[in-house]
N, C-alpha and C. Protein backbone atom coordinates (compact mmCIF):
# COMPACT_ATOMS: atom_id res chain seq x y z
N UNK A 1 68.88 96.65 93.61
CA UNK A 1 70.01 96.66 92.69
C UNK A 1 70.17 95.22 92.15
N UNK A 2 70.17 95.10 90.86
CA UNK A 2 70.31 93.79 90.23
C UNK A 2 71.78 93.38 90.16
N UNK A 3 72.02 92.15 89.83
CA UNK A 3 73.38 91.64 89.67
C UNK A 3 74.11 92.39 88.58
N UNK A 4 73.44 92.69 87.48
CA UNK A 4 74.06 93.41 86.39
C UNK A 4 74.48 94.81 86.80
N UNK A 5 73.62 95.49 87.57
CA UNK A 5 73.97 96.83 88.11
C UNK A 5 75.19 96.75 89.01
N UNK A 6 75.24 95.72 89.86
CA UNK A 6 76.37 95.57 90.77
C UNK A 6 77.65 95.34 89.99
N UNK A 7 77.61 94.43 89.01
CA UNK A 7 78.82 94.14 88.27
C UNK A 7 79.30 95.33 87.45
N UNK A 8 78.39 96.11 86.89
CA UNK A 8 78.79 97.24 86.06
C UNK A 8 79.35 98.37 86.91
N UNK A 9 79.01 98.44 88.17
CA UNK A 9 79.57 99.48 89.04
C UNK A 9 80.73 98.97 89.90
N UNK A 10 81.08 97.73 89.69
CA UNK A 10 82.11 97.10 90.52
C UNK A 10 83.51 97.35 89.94
N UNK A 11 84.48 97.24 90.82
CA UNK A 11 85.86 97.33 90.39
C UNK A 11 86.36 96.00 89.86
N UNK A 12 85.48 95.00 89.89
CA UNK A 12 85.88 93.70 89.36
C UNK A 12 85.72 93.58 87.86
N UNK A 13 85.20 94.60 87.20
CA UNK A 13 84.96 94.54 85.78
C UNK A 13 86.26 94.24 85.00
N UNK A 14 87.37 94.90 85.29
CA UNK A 14 88.59 94.57 84.54
C UNK A 14 89.04 93.14 84.76
N UNK A 15 88.93 92.66 85.99
CA UNK A 15 89.32 91.27 86.30
C UNK A 15 88.43 90.29 85.59
N UNK A 16 87.10 90.50 85.66
CA UNK A 16 86.17 89.60 84.98
C UNK A 16 86.35 89.61 83.48
N UNK A 17 86.63 90.79 82.93
CA UNK A 17 86.88 90.91 81.46
C UNK A 17 88.12 90.15 81.03
N UNK A 18 89.18 90.28 81.83
CA UNK A 18 90.40 89.58 81.52
C UNK A 18 90.22 88.05 81.61
N UNK A 19 89.49 87.60 82.62
CA UNK A 19 89.19 86.20 82.75
C UNK A 19 88.39 85.70 81.54
N UNK A 20 87.45 86.49 81.08
CA UNK A 20 86.68 86.10 79.91
C UNK A 20 87.54 86.02 78.64
N UNK A 21 88.49 86.93 78.51
CA UNK A 21 89.41 86.91 77.34
C UNK A 21 90.31 85.70 77.42
N UNK A 22 90.76 85.30 78.58
CA UNK A 22 91.55 84.10 78.74
C UNK A 22 90.71 82.87 78.35
N UNK A 23 89.46 82.90 78.73
CA UNK A 23 88.52 81.81 78.34
C UNK A 23 88.40 81.76 76.80
N UNK A 24 88.21 82.92 76.16
CA UNK A 24 88.12 82.94 74.71
C UNK A 24 89.40 82.43 74.06
N UNK A 25 90.54 82.77 74.61
CA UNK A 25 91.80 82.36 74.06
C UNK A 25 92.00 80.83 74.18
N UNK A 26 91.29 80.20 75.08
CA UNK A 26 91.41 78.76 75.24
C UNK A 26 90.43 77.99 74.31
N UNK A 27 89.58 78.69 73.60
CA UNK A 27 88.64 78.05 72.71
C UNK A 27 89.21 77.83 71.32
N UNK A 28 88.58 76.97 70.53
CA UNK A 28 89.10 76.76 69.16
C UNK A 28 88.91 78.02 68.30
N UNK A 29 89.71 78.11 67.23
CA UNK A 29 89.58 79.28 66.34
C UNK A 29 88.18 79.40 65.77
N UNK A 30 87.67 80.53 65.48
CA UNK A 30 88.24 81.87 65.49
C UNK A 30 88.18 82.57 66.84
N UNK A 31 87.49 82.01 67.84
CA UNK A 31 87.38 82.66 69.14
C UNK A 31 88.80 82.82 69.78
N UNK A 32 89.65 81.83 69.51
CA UNK A 32 91.01 81.92 70.07
C UNK A 32 91.75 83.15 69.57
N UNK A 33 91.62 83.44 68.28
CA UNK A 33 92.33 84.59 67.72
C UNK A 33 91.76 85.88 68.24
N UNK A 34 90.47 85.94 68.46
CA UNK A 34 89.84 87.14 69.04
C UNK A 34 90.34 87.33 70.47
N UNK A 35 90.35 86.25 71.24
CA UNK A 35 90.81 86.33 72.63
C UNK A 35 92.28 86.73 72.73
N UNK A 36 93.12 86.11 71.88
CA UNK A 36 94.57 86.45 71.92
C UNK A 36 94.81 87.89 71.45
N UNK A 37 94.12 88.34 70.43
CA UNK A 37 94.29 89.69 69.95
C UNK A 37 93.89 90.72 71.00
N UNK A 38 92.75 90.47 71.68
CA UNK A 38 92.32 91.39 72.73
C UNK A 38 93.25 91.36 73.91
N UNK A 39 93.76 90.15 74.25
CA UNK A 39 94.68 90.06 75.39
C UNK A 39 95.98 90.80 75.09
N UNK A 40 96.41 90.79 73.84
CA UNK A 40 97.64 91.50 73.48
C UNK A 40 97.49 93.01 73.73
N UNK A 41 96.30 93.51 73.58
CA UNK A 41 96.03 94.94 73.82
C UNK A 41 95.77 95.18 75.30
N UNK A 42 94.98 94.32 75.92
CA UNK A 42 94.50 94.54 77.30
C UNK A 42 95.51 94.13 78.35
N UNK A 43 96.39 93.17 78.09
CA UNK A 43 97.28 92.64 79.10
C UNK A 43 98.18 93.75 79.73
N UNK A 44 98.80 94.63 78.94
CA UNK A 44 99.61 95.66 79.60
C UNK A 44 98.76 96.59 80.49
N UNK A 45 97.55 96.88 80.04
CA UNK A 45 96.66 97.72 80.87
C UNK A 45 96.24 96.97 82.14
N UNK A 46 95.98 95.71 82.02
CA UNK A 46 95.59 94.90 83.21
C UNK A 46 96.75 94.82 84.21
N UNK A 47 97.95 94.65 83.71
CA UNK A 47 99.11 94.58 84.61
C UNK A 47 99.31 95.96 85.30
N UNK A 48 99.17 97.01 84.58
CA UNK A 48 99.25 98.35 85.18
C UNK A 48 98.19 98.59 86.21
N UNK A 49 96.97 98.17 85.92
CA UNK A 49 95.86 98.32 86.86
C UNK A 49 96.13 97.51 88.13
N UNK A 50 96.62 96.27 87.97
CA UNK A 50 96.89 95.46 89.12
C UNK A 50 98.02 96.05 89.98
N UNK A 51 99.08 96.52 89.34
CA UNK A 51 100.18 97.13 90.07
C UNK A 51 99.71 98.37 90.83
N UNK A 52 98.88 99.17 90.17
CA UNK A 52 98.35 100.36 90.83
C UNK A 52 97.41 100.01 91.98
N UNK A 53 96.59 99.05 91.77
CA UNK A 53 95.60 98.68 92.76
C UNK A 53 96.20 98.02 93.99
N UNK A 54 97.12 97.12 93.78
CA UNK A 54 97.65 96.31 94.89
C UNK A 54 99.04 96.72 95.34
N UNK A 55 99.85 97.34 94.50
CA UNK A 55 101.22 97.71 94.88
C UNK A 55 101.39 99.21 95.02
N UNK A 56 100.38 99.96 94.60
CA UNK A 56 100.47 101.42 94.73
C UNK A 56 101.44 102.08 93.77
N UNK A 57 101.62 101.45 92.61
CA UNK A 57 102.59 101.98 91.61
C UNK A 57 101.82 102.38 90.39
N UNK A 58 102.21 103.53 89.79
CA UNK A 58 101.66 103.95 88.53
C UNK A 58 100.41 104.81 88.63
N UNK A 59 99.79 105.07 87.50
CA UNK A 59 98.67 106.00 87.48
C UNK A 59 97.40 105.51 88.15
N UNK A 60 97.28 104.21 88.36
CA UNK A 60 96.07 103.71 89.03
C UNK A 60 96.24 103.55 90.55
N UNK A 61 97.36 104.07 91.07
CA UNK A 61 97.56 104.00 92.52
C UNK A 61 96.55 104.91 93.22
N UNK A 62 96.07 104.46 94.33
CA UNK A 62 95.08 105.25 95.08
C UNK A 62 95.75 105.99 96.21
């Protein structure tokens, strides 16, 4: 199993994607605008995923 296969099947994908978007938002424009725009859409989903994963609240609760 390669590293790419591991990452694509991992539950860390949302966390790594959010970290990458934060990185993009810290870069000079136009990457900043892309990162901020994507974070505006993804941030509520990421918060819901984190609450479900770690607090057991919401649709992502296990």
